[in-house]
Amino acid sequence: MFLCMCYCQYIIIIIIILIMIMKQVVVALSILSSCMVHGFVPAQTSWGKIRTTQLAGSSTLEGRPIDGALEPMNNFILVKVMPAQEETEGGILLAGKAKIEKTEGTVIAAGPGKTHQESGIFFPMSVEEGEGVVYGRFDGTELEYNGEKHTLIRDDDVLVKYRGDALTLECADVCHNNILVRVETKEAAESAGGILLAQTSESKTRPSTGTVVKVGPGRMASNGELMKMDVSPGDMIKFRDFAGNEVEIEKEDFSVVRMTDILAKF
């Protein structure tokens, strides 16, 4: 009788232990399932407690984990910004605010496009994922995505786009009603008598004349048709002062000007 009672007690203890183990397994599985959904996996610490580590394929925005990749809406573009220039061509190291911030990068993702508010015509995107873009200095909203500097800009903000590892004149292209202009720069002005006069700081202005190098396809009208561009490569043009956005391509100065800012051609 005594042996039977002891045997029953052992069985009860074993059952209780098994139940406790099953509860721990259920809790662990629920944690694992939740972590996998949110982009984390459990890992064992030195003290035996469960912690979470981020999966290699998940994303972060401003240092916080997010579900899936960041997807731009409408005609917005997600651009991975090119690192700041930390050294001059002469080899001088730049530090802090002296570093030259780039307004150039690679398109990581692009929105589907935009719809005209009145006509309902759909305007497709002018850039694609993987293309390099140059945009205005004050355009876009900067953010930290996956631990690196990115910016969200509209496709209208793109000055020049290109394919390849570096921006060259051959691969450069312009969007919408933008025009790439090789600007005329003069280090000195010449008087009527032929005497060279050095320019003062007051007389220096941004160039507003130049030669058309490349022409965009044109601005899309409300009916979805492209509006005609009235200039062609090779034309000399005069545009509004301070209207163009300066772009350097292969160490040469260019300006990107909108068709509406051109005053005359010759």
C-alpha atoms as a PDB file:
ATOM      1  CA  MET A   1       0.000   0.000   0.000  1.00  0.00           C
ATOM      2  CA  PHE A   2       2.814   2.339   0.984  1.00  0.00           C
ATOM      3  CA  LEU A   3       4.663   1.604  -2.260  1.00  0.00           C
ATOM      4  CA  CYS A   4       1.551   2.369  -4.312  1.00  0.00           C
ATOM      5  CA  MET A   5       1.113   5.728  -2.613  1.00  0.00           C
ATOM      6  CA  CYS A   6       4.761   6.657  -3.245  1.00  0.00           C
ATOM      7  CA  TYR A   7       4.454   5.577  -6.880  1.00  0.00           C
ATOM      8  CA  CYS A   8       1.339   7.763  -7.326  1.00  0.00           C
ATOM      9  CA  GLN A   9       3.097  10.763  -5.788  1.00  0.00           C
ATOM     10  CA  TYR A  10       6.029  10.369  -8.182  1.00  0.00           C
ATOM     11  CA  ILE A  11       3.640  10.216 -11.121  1.00  0.00           C
ATOM     12  CA  ILE A  12       1.851  13.381  -9.940  1.00  0.00           C
ATOM     13  CA  ILE A  13       5.170  15.230  -9.548  1.00  0.00           C
ATOM     14  CA  ILE A  14       6.264  14.170 -13.015  1.00  0.00           C
ATOM     15  CA  ILE A  15       2.945  15.332 -14.492  1.00  0.00           C
ATOM     16  CA  ILE A  16       3.270  18.723 -12.753  1.00  0.00           C
ATOM     17  CA  ILE A  17       6.822  19.135 -14.084  1.00  0.00           C
ATOM     18  CA  LEU A  18       5.672  18.240 -17.602  1.00  0.00           C
ATOM     19  CA  ILE A  19       2.829  20.788 -17.377  1.00  0.00           C
ATOM     20  CA  MET A  20       5.277  23.523 -16.288  1.00  0.00           C
ATOM     21  CA  ILE A  21       7.615  22.649 -19.154  1.00  0.00           C
ATOM     22  CA  MET A  22       4.726  22.764 -21.647  1.00  0.00           C
ATOM     23  CA  LYS A  23       3.724  26.210 -20.364  1.00  0.00           C
ATOM     24  CA  GLN A  24       7.275  27.496 -20.891  1.00  0.00           C
ATOM     25  CA  VAL A  25       7.306  26.042 -24.415  1.00  0.00           C
ATOM     26  CA  VAL A  26       3.983  27.736 -25.240  1.00  0.00           C
ATOM     27  CA  VAL A  27       5.274  31.080 -23.930  1.00  0.00           C
ATOM     28  CA  ALA A  28       8.509  30.729 -25.897  1.00  0.00           C
ATOM     29  CA  LEU A  29       6.639  29.895 -29.102  1.00  0.00           C
ATOM     30  CA  SER A  30       4.315  32.875 -28.695  1.00  0.00           C
ATOM     31  CA  ILE A  31       7.299  35.186 -28.169  1.00  0.00           C
ATOM     32  CA  LEU A  32       9.035  33.741 -31.212  1.00  0.00           C
ATOM     33  CA  SER A  33       5.919  34.186 -33.358  1.00  0.00           C
ATOM     34  CA  SER A  34       5.461  37.796 -32.247  1.00  0.00           C
ATOM     35  CA  CYS A  35       9.118  38.631 -32.789  1.00  0.00           C
ATOM     36  CA  MET A  36       9.171  37.137 -36.260  1.00  0.00           C
ATOM     37  CA  VAL A  37       6.171  39.235 -37.278  1.00  0.00           C
ATOM     38  CA  HIS A  38       7.892  42.427 -36.116  1.00  0.00           C
ATOM     39  CA  GLY A  39      11.263  41.621 -37.599  1.00  0.00           C
ATOM     40  CA  PHE A  40      13.033  40.236 -34.515  1.00  0.00           C
ATOM     41  CA  VAL A  41      14.310  36.876 -33.365  1.00  0.00           C
ATOM     42  CA  PRO A  42      14.944  35.794 -29.757  1.00  0.00           C
ATOM     43  CA  ALA A  43      18.497  35.289 -28.555  1.00  0.00           C
ATOM     44  CA  GLN A  44      19.845  33.857 -25.304  1.00  0.00           C
ATOM     45  CA  THR A  45      21.716  36.201 -22.965  1.00  0.00           C
ATOM     46  CA  SER A  46      24.387  35.242 -20.462  1.00  0.00           C
ATOM     47  CA  TRP A  47      21.829  35.198 -17.641  1.00  0.00           C
ATOM     48  CA  GLY A  48      19.410  32.909 -19.462  1.00  0.00           C
ATOM     49  CA  LYS A  49      16.665  35.446 -20.234  1.00  0.00           C
ATOM     50  CA  ILE A  50      15.272  35.988 -23.685  1.00  0.00           C
ATOM     51  CA  ARG A  51      16.125  39.208 -25.538  1.00  0.00           C
ATOM     52  CA  THR A  52      15.404  40.215 -29.136  1.00  0.00           C
ATOM     53  CA  THR A  53      17.736  41.092 -31.984  1.00  0.00           C
ATOM     54  CA  GLN A  54      16.759  42.642 -35.301  1.00  0.00           C
ATOM     55  CA  LEU A  55      16.631  40.465 -38.383  1.00  0.00           C
ATOM     56  CA  ALA A  56      19.118  41.336 -41.102  1.00  0.00           C
ATOM     57  CA  GLY A  57      16.352  41.848 -43.661  1.00  0.00           C
ATOM     58  CA  SER A  58      14.168  44.211 -41.592  1.00  0.00           C
ATOM     59  CA  SER A  59      14.207  48.021 -41.809  1.00  0.00           C
ATOM     60  CA  THR A  60      14.623  50.918 -39.406  1.00  0.00           C
ATOM     61  CA  LEU A  61      13.391  54.499 -39.665  1.00  0.00           C
ATOM     62  CA  GLU A  62      14.983  57.152 -37.446  1.00  0.00           C
ATOM     63  CA  GLY A  63      16.463  54.313 -35.386  1.00  0.00           C
ATOM     64  CA  ARG A  64      13.136  52.505 -34.830  1.00  0.00           C
ATOM     65  CA  PRO A  65      12.204  49.169 -36.432  1.00  0.00           C
ATOM     66  CA  ILE A  66       9.417  49.262 -39.017  1.00  0.00           C
ATOM     67  CA  ASP A  67       7.401  46.548 -40.731  1.00  0.00           C
ATOM     68  CA  GLY A  68       8.719  46.075 -44.247  1.00  0.00           C
ATOM     69  CA  ALA A  69      10.470  48.570 -46.488  1.00  0.00           C
ATOM     70  CA  LEU A  70       9.739  52.302 -46.734  1.00  0.00           C
ATOM     71  CA  GLU A  71       7.465  52.924 -49.742  1.00  0.00           C
ATOM     72  CA  PRO A  72       7.202  56.481 -51.148  1.00  0.00           C
ATOM     73  CA  MET A  73       3.705  57.707 -52.052  1.00  0.00           C
ATOM     74  CA  ASN A  74       2.460  59.729 -55.035  1.00  0.00           C
ATOM     75  CA  ASN A  75       5.421  61.231 -56.937  1.00  0.00           C
ATOM     76  CA  PHE A  76       7.895  61.081 -54.036  1.00  0.00           C
ATOM     77  CA  ILE A  77      11.293  59.422 -54.389  1.00  0.00           C
ATOM     78  CA  LEU A  78      13.440  57.857 -51.676  1.00  0.00           C
ATOM     79  CA  VAL A  79      17.077  58.761 -52.348  1.00  0.00           C
ATOM     80  CA  LYS A  80      20.135  57.412 -50.550  1.00  0.00           C
ATOM     81  CA  VAL A  81      22.317  60.490 -50.208  1.00  0.00           C
ATOM     82  CA  MET A  82      25.918  60.330 -51.357  1.00  0.00           C
ATOM     83  CA  PRO A  83      28.392  60.749 -48.454  1.00  0.00           C
ATOM     84  CA  ALA A  84      29.739  64.254 -47.811  1.00  0.00           C
ATOM     85  CA  GLN A  85      33.050  65.176 -49.389  1.00  0.00           C
ATOM     86  CA  GLU A  86      35.657  65.004 -46.617  1.00  0.00           C
ATOM     87  CA  GLU A  87      38.723  65.900 -48.667  1.00  0.00           C
ATOM     88  CA  THR A  88      39.477  68.571 -51.261  1.00  0.00           C
ATOM     89  CA  GLU A  89      41.023  67.760 -54.626  1.00  0.00           C
ATOM     90  CA  GLY A  90      44.324  68.995 -53.217  1.00  0.00           C
ATOM     91  CA  GLY A  91      44.178  66.456 -50.391  1.00  0.00           C
ATOM     92  CA  ILE A  92      43.110  68.831 -47.615  1.00  0.00           C
ATOM     93  CA  LEU A  93      40.927  67.086 -45.046  1.00  0.00           C
ATOM     94  CA  LEU A  94      37.636  68.774 -44.221  1.00  0.00           C
ATOM     95  CA  ALA A  95      36.051  68.465 -40.803  1.00  0.00           C
ATOM     96  CA  GLY A  96      32.688  69.318 -39.267  1.00  0.00           C
ATOM     97  CA  LYS A  97      30.740  72.023 -41.102  1.00  0.00           C
ATOM     98  CA  ALA A  98      33.541  72.397 -43.652  1.00  0.00           C
ATOM     99  CA  LYS A  99      32.536  69.079 -45.245  1.00  0.00           C
ATOM    100  CA  ILE A 100      30.828  69.537 -48.604  1.00  0.00           C
ATOM    101  CA  GLU A 101      27.335  68.095 -48.350  1.00  0.00           C
ATOM    102  CA  LYS A 102      26.152  66.353 -51.500  1.00  0.00           C
ATOM    103  CA  THR A 103      22.750  66.891 -53.122  1.00  0.00           C
ATOM    104  CA  GLU A 104      23.212  63.736 -55.132  1.00  0.00           C
ATOM    105  CA  GLY A 105      22.293  60.133 -54.536  1.00  0.00           C
ATOM    106  CA  THR A 106      20.764  56.899 -55.748  1.00  0.00           C
ATOM    107  CA  VAL A 107      17.040  56.229 -56.089  1.00  0.00           C
ATOM    108  CA  ILE A 108      16.163  53.461 -53.628  1.00  0.00           C
ATOM    109  CA  ALA A 109      12.416  53.484 -54.252  1.00  0.00           C
ATOM    110  CA  ALA A 110       9.939  55.574 -56.234  1.00  0.00           C
ATOM    111  CA  GLY A 111       6.241  56.210 -55.781  1.00  0.00           C
ATOM    112  CA  PRO A 112       3.689  55.173 -58.396  1.00  0.00           C
ATOM    113  CA  GLY A 113       3.183  58.710 -59.746  1.00  0.00           C
ATOM    114  CA  LYS A 114       0.568  61.409 -59.286  1.00  0.00           C
ATOM    115  CA  THR A 115      -2.899  62.133 -60.594  1.00  0.00           C
ATOM    116  CA  HIS A 116      -3.922  65.576 -61.868  1.00  0.00           C
ATOM    117  CA  GLN A 117      -6.400  67.061 -59.398  1.00  0.00           C
ATOM    118  CA  GLU A 118      -8.773  68.388 -62.064  1.00  0.00           C
ATOM    119  CA  SER A 119      -8.524  66.087 -65.076  1.00  0.00           C
ATOM    120  CA  GLY A 120      -7.762  62.855 -63.223  1.00  0.00           C
ATOM    121  CA  ILE A 121      -5.006  62.061 -65.731  1.00  0.00           C
ATOM    122  CA  PHE A 122      -2.261  59.892 -64.252  1.00  0.00           C
ATOM    123  CA  PHE A 123       1.282  61.277 -64.481  1.00  0.00           C
ATOM    124  CA  PRO A 124       3.893  58.467 -64.411  1.00  0.00           C
ATOM    125  CA  MET A 125       7.239  58.823 -62.674  1.00  0.00           C
ATOM    126  CA  SER A 126      10.199  60.235 -64.582  1.00  0.00           C
ATOM    127  CA  VAL A 127      12.847  58.291 -62.622  1.00  0.00           C
ATOM    128  CA  GLU A 128      13.380  54.646 -61.761  1.00  0.00           C
ATOM    129  CA  GLU A 129      14.946  52.676 -58.952  1.00  0.00           C
ATOM    130  CA  GLY A 130      18.721  52.455 -59.308  1.00  0.00           C
ATOM    131  CA  GLU A 131      19.171  55.742 -61.184  1.00  0.00           C
ATOM    132  CA  GLY A 132      21.451  58.463 -59.857  1.00  0.00           C
ATOM    133  CA  VAL A 133      19.876  61.883 -59.320  1.00  0.00           C
ATOM    134  CA  VAL A 134      20.993  65.433 -58.545  1.00  0.00           C
ATOM    135  CA  TYR A 135      18.483  67.667 -56.786  1.00  0.00           C
ATOM    136  CA  GLY A 136      18.254  71.195 -55.351  1.00  0.00           C
ATOM    137  CA  ARG A 137      20.116  72.103 -52.175  1.00  0.00           C
ATOM    138  CA  PHE A 138      16.979  72.972 -50.231  1.00  0.00           C
ATOM    139  CA  ASP A 139      14.712  70.273 -51.657  1.00  0.00           C
ATOM    140  CA  GLY A 140      13.454  67.216 -49.845  1.00  0.00           C
ATOM    141  CA  THR A 141      12.989  65.940 -46.318  1.00  0.00           C
ATOM    142  CA  GLU A 142      16.040  64.300 -44.777  1.00  0.00           C
ATOM    143  CA  LEU A 143      15.679  61.129 -42.703  1.00  0.00           C
ATOM    144  CA  GLU A 144      17.719  58.246 -41.351  1.00  0.00           C
ATOM    145  CA  TYR A 145      16.743  54.964 -42.969  1.00  0.00           C
ATOM    146  CA  ASN A 146      18.490  51.707 -42.117  1.00  0.00           C
ATOM    147  CA  GLY A 147      21.169  53.699 -40.306  1.00  0.00           C
ATOM    148  CA  GLU A 148      22.105  55.822 -43.346  1.00  0.00           C
ATOM    149  CA  LYS A 149      21.212  59.300 -44.581  1.00  0.00           C
ATOM    150  CA  HIS A 150      18.333  59.439 -47.060  1.00  0.00           C
ATOM    151  CA  THR A 151      15.990  62.106 -48.365  1.00  0.00           C
ATOM    152  CA  LEU A 152      12.462  62.136 -49.781  1.00  0.00           C
ATOM    153  CA  ILE A 153      12.028  64.414 -52.787  1.00  0.00           C
ATOM    154  CA  ARG A 154       9.424  64.866 -55.511  1.00  0.00           C
ATOM    155  CA  ASP A 155      10.283  63.850 -59.052  1.00  0.00           C
ATOM    156  CA  ASP A 156       9.841  67.554 -59.932  1.00  0.00           C
ATOM    157  CA  ASP A 157      12.880  68.304 -57.732  1.00  0.00           C
ATOM    158  CA  VAL A 158      15.220  66.175 -59.852  1.00  0.00           C
ATOM    159  CA  LEU A 159      17.607  68.392 -61.820  1.00  0.00           C
ATOM    160  CA  VAL A 160      19.649  65.698 -63.553  1.00  0.00           C
ATOM    161  CA  LYS A 161      19.372  61.910 -63.624  1.00  0.00           C
ATOM    162  CA  TYR A 162      21.924  59.396 -64.836  1.00  0.00           C
ATOM    163  CA  ARG A 163      22.814  55.723 -65.083  1.00  0.00           C
ATOM    164  CA  GLY A 164      26.161  54.354 -63.967  1.00  0.00           C
ATOM    165  CA  ASP A 165      28.578  54.861 -61.111  1.00  0.00           C
ATOM    166  CA  ALA A 166      29.295  58.549 -61.744  1.00  0.00           C
ATOM    167  CA  LEU A 167      27.641  61.576 -63.330  1.00  0.00           C
ATOM    168  CA  THR A 168      29.055  62.318 -66.792  1.00  0.00           C
ATOM    169  CA  LEU A 169      27.815  64.577 -69.542  1.00  0.00           C
ATOM    170  CA  GLU A 170      27.219  61.601 -71.809  1.00  0.00           C
ATOM    171  CA  CYS A 171      24.935  59.764 -69.380  1.00  0.00           C
ATOM    172  CA  ALA A 172      23.267  62.862 -67.903  1.00  0.00           C
ATOM    173  CA  ASP A 173      19.619  63.488 -68.728  1.00  0.00           C
ATOM    174  CA  VAL A 174      17.029  66.062 -67.654  1.00  0.00           C
ATOM    175  CA  CYS A 175      13.366  65.567 -66.736  1.00  0.00           C
ATOM    176  CA  HIS A 176      10.120  67.397 -67.429  1.00  0.00           C
ATOM    177  CA  ASN A 177      10.605  70.927 -68.817  1.00  0.00           C
ATOM    178  CA  ASN A 178      14.179  71.271 -67.537  1.00  0.00           C
ATOM    179  CA  ILE A 179      17.068  72.297 -69.766  1.00  0.00           C
ATOM    180  CA  LEU A 180      20.759  71.639 -69.166  1.00  0.00           C
ATOM    181  CA  VAL A 181      22.804  74.724 -70.067  1.00  0.00           C
ATOM    182  CA  ARG A 182      26.572  75.106 -70.358  1.00  0.00           C
ATOM    183  CA  VAL A 183      26.942  78.537 -68.804  1.00  0.00           C
ATOM    184  CA  GLU A 184      29.347  81.264 -69.858  1.00  0.00           C
ATOM    185  CA  THR A 185      31.769  82.224 -67.095  1.00  0.00           C
ATOM    186  CA  LYS A 186      34.231  85.102 -67.314  1.00  0.00           C
ATOM    187  CA  GLU A 187      36.976  85.790 -64.837  1.00  0.00           C
ATOM    188  CA  ALA A 188      37.404  89.354 -66.083  1.00  0.00           C
ATOM    189  CA  ALA A 189      35.430  91.905 -68.020  1.00  0.00           C
ATOM    190  CA  GLU A 190      36.855  93.959 -70.869  1.00  0.00           C
ATOM    191  CA  SER A 191      36.297  97.670 -71.237  1.00  0.00           C
ATOM    192  CA  ALA A 192      35.430  99.354 -74.538  1.00  0.00           C
ATOM    193  CA  GLY A 193      39.090 100.265 -74.987  1.00  0.00           C
ATOM    194  CA  GLY A 194      40.176  96.649 -74.656  1.00  0.00           C
ATOM    195  CA  ILE A 195      41.514  96.941 -71.102  1.00  0.00           C
ATOM    196  CA  LEU A 196      40.834  93.944 -68.889  1.00  0.00           C
ATOM    197  CA  LEU A 197      39.048  94.891 -65.696  1.00  0.00           C
ATOM    198  CA  ALA A 198      39.011  92.557 -62.719  1.00  0.00           C
ATOM    199  CA  GLN A 199      35.508  91.896 -61.443  1.00  0.00           C
ATOM    200  CA  THR A 200      34.648  93.145 -57.990  1.00  0.00           C
ATOM    201  CA  SER A 201      32.514  91.248 -55.536  1.00  0.00           C
ATOM    202  CA  GLU A 202      29.621  93.592 -56.354  1.00  0.00           C
ATOM    203  CA  SER A 203      29.829  92.929 -60.096  1.00  0.00           C
ATOM    204  CA  LYS A 204      29.974  89.168 -59.767  1.00  0.00           C
ATOM    205  CA  THR A 205      26.653  87.517 -60.536  1.00  0.00           C
ATOM    206  CA  ARG A 206      25.651  84.044 -61.507  1.00  0.00           C
ATOM    207  CA  PRO A 207      25.811  83.507 -65.273  1.00  0.00           C
ATOM    208  CA  SER A 208      22.453  83.866 -67.030  1.00  0.00           C
ATOM    209  CA  THR A 209      23.476  83.022 -70.598  1.00  0.00           C
ATOM    210  CA  GLY A 210      24.739  79.827 -72.116  1.00  0.00           C
ATOM    211  CA  THR A 211      24.431  77.047 -74.644  1.00  0.00           C
ATOM    212  CA  VAL A 212      21.683  74.453 -74.497  1.00  0.00           C
ATOM    213  CA  VAL A 213      23.202  70.990 -74.079  1.00  0.00           C
ATOM    214  CA  LYS A 214      20.205  68.778 -73.306  1.00  0.00           C
ATOM    215  CA  VAL A 215      16.447  69.324 -73.305  1.00  0.00           C
ATOM    216  CA  GLY A 216      13.834  67.501 -71.256  1.00  0.00           C
ATOM    217  CA  PRO A 217      10.774  65.857 -72.823  1.00  0.00           C
ATOM    218  CA  GLY A 218       8.524  68.718 -71.707  1.00  0.00           C
ATOM    219  CA  ARG A 219       5.979  69.455 -69.028  1.00  0.00           C
ATOM    220  CA  MET A 220       2.871  67.293 -69.015  1.00  0.00           C
ATOM    221  CA  ALA A 221      -0.373  69.216 -69.541  1.00  0.00           C
ATOM    222  CA  SER A 222      -3.610  68.455 -67.694  1.00  0.00           C
ATOM    223  CA  ASN A 223      -4.757  66.278 -70.595  1.00  0.00           C
ATOM    224  CA  GLY A 224      -1.668  64.070 -70.287  1.00  0.00           C
ATOM    225  CA  GLU A 225       0.099  65.386 -73.391  1.00  0.00           C
ATOM    226  CA  LEU A 226       3.646  66.746 -73.310  1.00  0.00           C
ATOM    227  CA  MET A 227       3.980  70.472 -73.952  1.00  0.00           C
ATOM    228  CA  LYS A 228       6.378  71.475 -76.725  1.00  0.00           C
ATOM    229  CA  MET A 229       9.880  72.642 -75.806  1.00  0.00           C
ATOM    230  CA  ASP A 230      10.862  75.708 -77.855  1.00  0.00           C
ATOM    231  CA  VAL A 231      14.636  75.272 -77.653  1.00  0.00           C
ATOM    232  CA  SER A 232      17.027  72.665 -79.000  1.00  0.00           C
ATOM    233  CA  PRO A 233      20.577  71.554 -78.187  1.00  0.00           C
ATOM    234  CA  GLY A 234      23.038  74.091 -79.575  1.00  0.00           C
ATOM    235  CA  ASP A 235      20.793  77.138 -79.048  1.00  0.00           C
ATOM    236  CA  MET A 236      22.189  80.090 -77.108  1.00  0.00           C
ATOM    237  CA  ILE A 237      19.752  81.327 -74.465  1.00  0.00           C
ATOM    238  CA  LYS A 238      19.285  84.131 -71.962  1.00  0.00           C
ATOM    239  CA  PHE A 239      17.441  83.194 -68.772  1.00  0.00           C
ATOM    240  CA  ARG A 240      16.369  84.974 -65.611  1.00  0.00           C
ATOM    241  CA  ASP A 241      19.060  85.950 -63.131  1.00  0.00           C
ATOM    242  CA  PHE A 242      19.402  83.401 -60.329  1.00  0.00           C
ATOM    243  CA  ALA A 243      16.784  81.171 -62.006  1.00  0.00           C
ATOM    244  CA  GLY A 244      18.998  78.183 -62.746  1.00  0.00           C
ATOM    245  CA  ASN A 245      20.289  75.554 -60.349  1.00  0.00           C
ATOM    246  CA  GLU A 246      24.047  75.111 -60.582  1.00  0.00           C
ATOM    247  CA  VAL A 247      25.341  71.632 -61.378  1.00  0.00           C
ATOM    248  CA  GLU A 248      28.948  70.538 -61.816  1.00  0.00           C
ATOM    249  CA  ILE A 249      29.527  67.759 -64.339  1.00  0.00           C
ATOM    250  CA  GLU A 250      33.039  66.515 -64.985  1.00  0.00           C
ATOM    251  CA  LYS A 251      34.485  69.675 -63.338  1.00  0.00           C
ATOM    252  CA  GLU A 252      32.520  71.931 -65.688  1.00  0.00           C
ATOM    253  CA  ASP A 253      29.802  74.383 -64.646  1.00  0.00           C
ATOM    254  CA  PHE A 254      26.251  73.918 -65.886  1.00  0.00           C
ATOM    255  CA  SER A 255      22.841  75.249 -64.936  1.00  0.00           C
ATOM    256  CA  VAL A 256      19.510  73.462 -65.015  1.00  0.00           C
ATOM    257  CA  VAL A 257      16.832  75.931 -66.094  1.00  0.00           C
ATOM    258  CA  ARG A 258      13.097  75.509 -66.520  1.00  0.00           C
ATOM    259  CA  MET A 259      11.589  76.402 -69.883  1.00  0.00           C
ATOM    260  CA  THR A 260       9.432  79.083 -68.247  1.00  0.00           C
ATOM    261  CA  ASP A 261      12.557  80.926 -67.024  1.00  0.00           C
ATOM    262  CA  ILE A 262      14.063  81.381 -70.502  1.00  0.00           C
ATOM    263  CA  LEU A 263      13.754  84.978 -71.718  1.00  0.00           C
ATOM    264  CA  ALA A 264      15.223  84.709 -75.222  1.00  0.00           C
ATOM    265  CA  LYS A 265      17.263  82.523 -77.561  1.00  0.00           C
ATOM    266  CA  PHE A 266      19.752  83.494 -80.240  1.00  0.00           C
END
